[in-house]
Amino acid sequence: MTAIIRVAAATLALSIGMAFGPGAAASPAQCKHSASEYAQVIRHFESESARARAAAERNPLFESDVAYYASALAAARACTRTVGPMASR
């Protein structure tokens, strides 16, 4: 059961993360998920980012993964700031 939840969380995280191109800023139109979903995505990408950084220290080929996770995290954090105030209304 927990494996299914993890796969679902990873799928959601990747689908949200892929909505933003590298260097793209999150516009309110792109932020279509709830603040709690973005919080889950941020936790997922933070752990993946740490793994990618560790892998990049051993092999520079993983630097692009580090850049991707940094971009996805920035976009998810921007959406959290965008949708966060709406959730409290």
N, C-alpha and C. Protein backbone atom coordinates (compact mmCIF):
# COMPACT_ATOMS: atom_id res chain seq x y z
N MET A 1 0.83 -1.20 0.00
CA MET A 1 0.00 0.00 0.00
C MET A 1 0.87 1.26 0.00
N THR A 2 1.91 1.30 0.84
CA THR A 2 2.77 2.50 0.86
C THR A 2 3.51 2.66 -0.45
N ALA A 3 3.82 1.55 -1.13
CA ALA A 3 4.49 1.64 -2.42
C ALA A 3 3.59 2.32 -3.44
N ILE A 4 2.31 2.03 -3.38
CA ILE A 4 1.37 2.66 -4.30
C ILE A 4 1.29 4.15 -4.03
N ILE A 5 1.28 4.53 -2.76
CA ILE A 5 1.23 5.95 -2.41
C ILE A 5 2.50 6.66 -2.87
N ARG A 6 3.64 6.01 -2.70
CA ARG A 6 4.90 6.62 -3.14
C ARG A 6 4.93 6.80 -4.65
N VAL A 7 4.46 5.80 -5.38
CA VAL A 7 4.43 5.90 -6.84
C VAL A 7 3.48 7.02 -7.26
N ALA A 8 2.33 7.10 -6.61
CA ALA A 8 1.37 8.16 -6.93
C ALA A 8 1.97 9.54 -6.62
N ALA A 9 2.66 9.66 -5.49
CA ALA A 9 3.28 10.93 -5.13
C ALA A 9 4.36 11.31 -6.13
N ALA A 10 5.17 10.34 -6.53
CA ALA A 10 6.23 10.61 -7.51
C ALA A 10 5.63 11.01 -8.85
N THR A 11 4.57 10.34 -9.25
CA THR A 11 3.92 10.67 -10.51
C THR A 11 3.36 12.08 -10.48
N LEU A 12 2.71 12.44 -9.38
CA LEU A 12 2.18 13.80 -9.24
C LEU A 12 3.32 14.81 -9.27
N ALA A 13 4.38 14.51 -8.55
CA ALA A 13 5.52 15.42 -8.50
C ALA A 13 6.12 15.63 -9.88
N LEU A 14 6.29 14.56 -10.61
CA LEU A 14 6.87 14.69 -11.94
C LEU A 14 5.93 15.40 -12.90
N SER A 15 4.64 15.14 -12.78
CA SER A 15 3.71 15.81 -13.69
C SER A 15 3.67 17.32 -13.41
N ILE A 16 3.73 17.69 -12.14
CA ILE A 16 3.76 19.11 -11.80
C ILE A 16 5.10 19.71 -12.21
N GLY A 17 6.17 19.00 -11.94
CA GLY A 17 7.51 19.50 -12.27
C GLY A 17 7.73 19.67 -13.76
N MET A 18 7.16 18.78 -14.56
CA MET A 18 7.36 18.86 -16.00
C MET A 18 6.52 19.96 -16.64
N ALA A 19 5.59 20.50 -15.90
CA ALA A 19 4.78 21.60 -16.43
C ALA A 19 5.60 22.87 -16.59
N PHE A 20 6.71 22.94 -15.91
CA PHE A 20 7.57 24.12 -15.94
C PHE A 20 8.84 23.79 -16.69
N GLY A 21 9.16 24.59 -17.68
CA GLY A 21 10.42 24.41 -18.39
C GLY A 21 11.56 24.96 -17.56
N PRO A 22 12.79 24.59 -17.90
CA PRO A 22 13.92 25.12 -17.16
C PRO A 22 13.94 26.65 -17.23
N GLY A 23 14.02 27.26 -16.08
CA GLY A 23 14.08 28.71 -16.00
C GLY A 23 12.73 29.41 -16.12
N ALA A 24 11.67 28.64 -16.28
CA ALA A 24 10.36 29.27 -16.41
C ALA A 24 9.84 29.68 -15.05
N ALA A 25 9.27 30.85 -15.01
CA ALA A 25 8.67 31.32 -13.76
C ALA A 25 7.24 30.79 -13.69
N ALA A 26 6.79 30.54 -12.50
CA ALA A 26 5.43 30.03 -12.33
C ALA A 26 4.46 31.19 -12.38
N SER A 27 3.54 31.12 -13.31
CA SER A 27 2.49 32.13 -13.37
C SER A 27 1.26 31.57 -12.68
N PRO A 28 0.38 32.42 -12.21
CA PRO A 28 -0.83 31.92 -11.54
C PRO A 28 -1.62 30.94 -12.40
N ALA A 29 -1.58 31.10 -13.72
CA ALA A 29 -2.31 30.19 -14.61
C ALA A 29 -1.72 28.79 -14.59
N GLN A 30 -0.42 28.67 -14.30
CA GLN A 30 0.23 27.38 -14.26
C GLN A 30 0.02 26.67 -12.93
N CYS A 31 -0.37 27.36 -11.91
CA CYS A 31 -0.50 26.79 -10.57
C CYS A 31 -1.92 26.28 -10.38
N LYS A 32 -2.13 25.03 -10.79
CA LYS A 32 -3.47 24.47 -10.80
C LYS A 32 -3.70 23.43 -9.71
N HIS A 33 -2.77 23.30 -8.80
CA HIS A 33 -2.89 22.30 -7.74
C HIS A 33 -3.04 23.00 -6.39
N SER A 34 -3.39 22.23 -5.38
CA SER A 34 -3.57 22.81 -4.05
C SER A 34 -2.22 23.03 -3.37
N ALA A 35 -2.23 23.85 -2.34
CA ALA A 35 -1.01 24.12 -1.58
C ALA A 35 -0.46 22.85 -0.97
N SER A 36 -1.32 21.95 -0.50
CA SER A 36 -0.84 20.70 0.10
C SER A 36 -0.18 19.81 -0.94
N GLU A 37 -0.70 19.81 -2.16
CA GLU A 37 -0.06 19.02 -3.22
C GLU A 37 1.31 19.59 -3.56
N TYR A 38 1.42 20.92 -3.60
CA TYR A 38 2.73 21.52 -3.86
C TYR A 38 3.70 21.24 -2.72
N ALA A 39 3.20 21.21 -1.49
CA ALA A 39 4.08 20.87 -0.35
C ALA A 39 4.62 19.46 -0.49
N GLN A 40 3.77 18.54 -0.94
CA GLN A 40 4.20 17.16 -1.14
C GLN A 40 5.24 17.08 -2.27
N VAL A 41 5.01 17.84 -3.32
CA VAL A 41 5.95 17.87 -4.44
C VAL A 41 7.30 18.44 -4.00
N ILE A 42 7.26 19.48 -3.19
CA ILE A 42 8.50 20.10 -2.71
C ILE A 42 9.29 19.10 -1.87
N ARG A 43 8.61 18.37 -0.99
CA ARG A 43 9.32 17.35 -0.18
C ARG A 43 9.94 16.30 -1.08
N HIS A 44 9.19 15.87 -2.10
CA HIS A 44 9.71 14.85 -3.02
C HIS A 44 10.95 15.36 -3.76
N PHE A 45 10.83 16.56 -4.34
CA PHE A 45 11.95 17.10 -5.12
C PHE A 45 13.14 17.47 -4.24
N GLU A 46 12.93 17.82 -2.99
CA GLU A 46 14.06 18.10 -2.10
C GLU A 46 14.87 16.83 -1.86
N SER A 47 14.20 15.70 -1.66
CA SER A 47 14.94 14.45 -1.46
C SER A 47 15.62 14.01 -2.75
N GLU A 48 14.93 14.16 -3.88
CA GLU A 48 15.55 13.80 -5.16
C GLU A 48 16.73 14.72 -5.48
N SER A 49 16.60 15.98 -5.12
CA SER A 49 17.68 16.93 -5.34
C SER A 49 18.92 16.56 -4.53
N ALA A 50 18.71 16.15 -3.29
CA ALA A 50 19.83 15.73 -2.45
C ALA A 50 20.52 14.51 -3.04
N ARG A 51 19.73 13.56 -3.53
CA ARG A 51 20.32 12.37 -4.17
C ARG A 51 21.10 12.75 -5.42
N ALA A 52 20.54 13.67 -6.22
CA ALA A 52 21.21 14.10 -7.44
C ALA A 52 22.51 14.83 -7.13
N ARG A 53 22.50 15.66 -6.07
CA ARG A 53 23.74 16.36 -5.69
C ARG A 53 24.82 15.36 -5.27
N ALA A 54 24.43 14.35 -4.52
CA ALA A 54 25.40 13.33 -4.10
C ALA A 54 25.93 12.57 -5.31
N ALA A 55 25.06 12.26 -6.25
CA ALA A 55 25.49 11.56 -7.45
C ALA A 55 26.39 12.45 -8.31
N ALA A 56 26.09 13.74 -8.36
CA ALA A 56 26.89 14.67 -9.16
C ALA A 56 28.29 14.85 -8.58
N GLU A 57 28.42 14.70 -7.27
CA GLU A 57 29.75 14.79 -6.67
C GLU A 57 30.63 13.63 -7.12
N ARG A 58 30.00 12.49 -7.38
CA ARG A 58 30.74 11.32 -7.85
C ARG A 58 30.90 11.31 -9.36
N ASN A 59 29.91 11.88 -10.07
CA ASN A 59 29.93 11.84 -11.53
C ASN A 59 29.28 13.13 -12.06
N PRO A 60 30.06 13.95 -12.75
CA PRO A 60 29.54 15.23 -13.24
C PRO A 60 28.38 15.11 -14.23
N LEU A 61 28.14 13.94 -14.78
CA LEU A 61 27.03 13.76 -15.70
C LEU A 61 25.68 14.01 -15.04
N PHE A 62 25.64 13.97 -13.72
CA PHE A 62 24.39 14.18 -12.99
C PHE A 62 24.11 15.65 -12.69
N GLU A 63 24.97 16.55 -13.15
CA GLU A 63 24.75 17.98 -12.93
C GLU A 63 23.44 18.46 -13.55
N SER A 64 23.07 17.90 -14.69
CA SER A 64 21.81 18.31 -15.31
C SER A 64 20.61 17.92 -14.44
N ASP A 65 20.71 16.78 -13.74
CA ASP A 65 19.64 16.39 -12.83
C ASP A 65 19.52 17.40 -11.69
N VAL A 66 20.65 17.85 -11.18
CA VAL A 66 20.65 18.85 -10.11
C VAL A 66 19.96 20.12 -10.59
N ALA A 67 20.28 20.55 -11.80
CA ALA A 67 19.66 21.75 -12.36
C ALA A 67 18.16 21.57 -12.57
N TYR A 68 17.75 20.39 -13.03
CA TYR A 68 16.32 20.13 -13.23
C TYR A 68 15.57 20.21 -11.90
N TYR A 69 16.08 19.54 -10.87
CA TYR A 69 15.41 19.55 -9.58
C TYR A 69 15.38 20.96 -8.97
N ALA A 70 16.43 21.72 -9.17
CA ALA A 70 16.44 23.10 -8.67
C ALA A 70 15.36 23.92 -9.37
N SER A 71 15.20 23.74 -10.67
CA SER A 71 14.18 24.45 -11.42
C SER A 71 12.77 24.02 -11.00
N ALA A 72 12.57 22.72 -10.84
CA ALA A 72 11.26 22.22 -10.42
C ALA A 72 10.91 22.69 -9.02
N LEU A 73 11.91 22.71 -8.13
CA LEU A 73 11.68 23.19 -6.77
C LEU A 73 11.31 24.68 -6.78
N ALA A 74 12.01 25.46 -7.57
CA ALA A 74 11.72 26.89 -7.64
C ALA A 74 10.30 27.13 -8.14
N ALA A 75 9.89 26.39 -9.15
CA ALA A 75 8.54 26.54 -9.69
C ALA A 75 7.49 26.12 -8.67
N ALA A 76 7.72 25.00 -8.00
CA ALA A 76 6.75 24.52 -7.00
C ALA A 76 6.67 25.49 -5.82
N ARG A 77 7.80 26.04 -5.41
CA ARG A 77 7.78 27.02 -4.31
C ARG A 77 7.05 28.29 -4.72
N ALA A 78 7.24 28.71 -5.98
CA ALA A 78 6.53 29.89 -6.46
C ALA A 78 5.03 29.64 -6.48
N CYS A 79 4.62 28.46 -6.89
CA CYS A 79 3.19 28.13 -6.89
C CYS A 79 2.66 28.05 -5.47
N THR A 80 3.46 27.56 -4.55
CA THR A 80 3.03 27.50 -3.15
C THR A 80 2.74 28.91 -2.64
N ARG A 81 3.60 29.86 -3.00
CA ARG A 81 3.36 31.25 -2.60
C ARG A 81 2.13 31.82 -3.30
N THR A 82 1.88 31.37 -4.53
CA THR A 82 0.74 31.88 -5.29
C THR A 82 -0.58 31.32 -4.77
N VAL A 83 -0.64 30.01 -4.55
CA VAL A 83 -1.92 29.39 -4.15
C VAL A 83 -2.09 29.37 -2.65
N GLY A 84 -1.03 29.56 -1.89
CA GLY A 84 -1.11 29.53 -0.43
C GLY A 84 -2.11 30.51 0.15
N PRO A 85 -2.06 31.79 -0.24
CA PRO A 85 -3.02 32.76 0.30
C PRO A 85 -4.46 32.43 -0.07
N MET A 86 -4.66 31.82 -1.23
CA MET A 86 -6.02 31.47 -1.66
C MET A 86 -6.61 30.39 -0.78
N ALA A 87 -5.78 29.49 -0.31
CA ALA A 87 -6.26 28.37 0.50
C ALA A 87 -6.78 28.84 1.85
N SER A 88 -6.29 29.98 2.34
CA SER A 88 -6.71 30.46 3.66
C SER A 88 -8.01 31.26 3.62
N ARG A 89 -8.51 31.54 2.44
CA ARG A 89 -9.75 32.33 2.32
C ARG A 89 -10.97 31.54 2.66
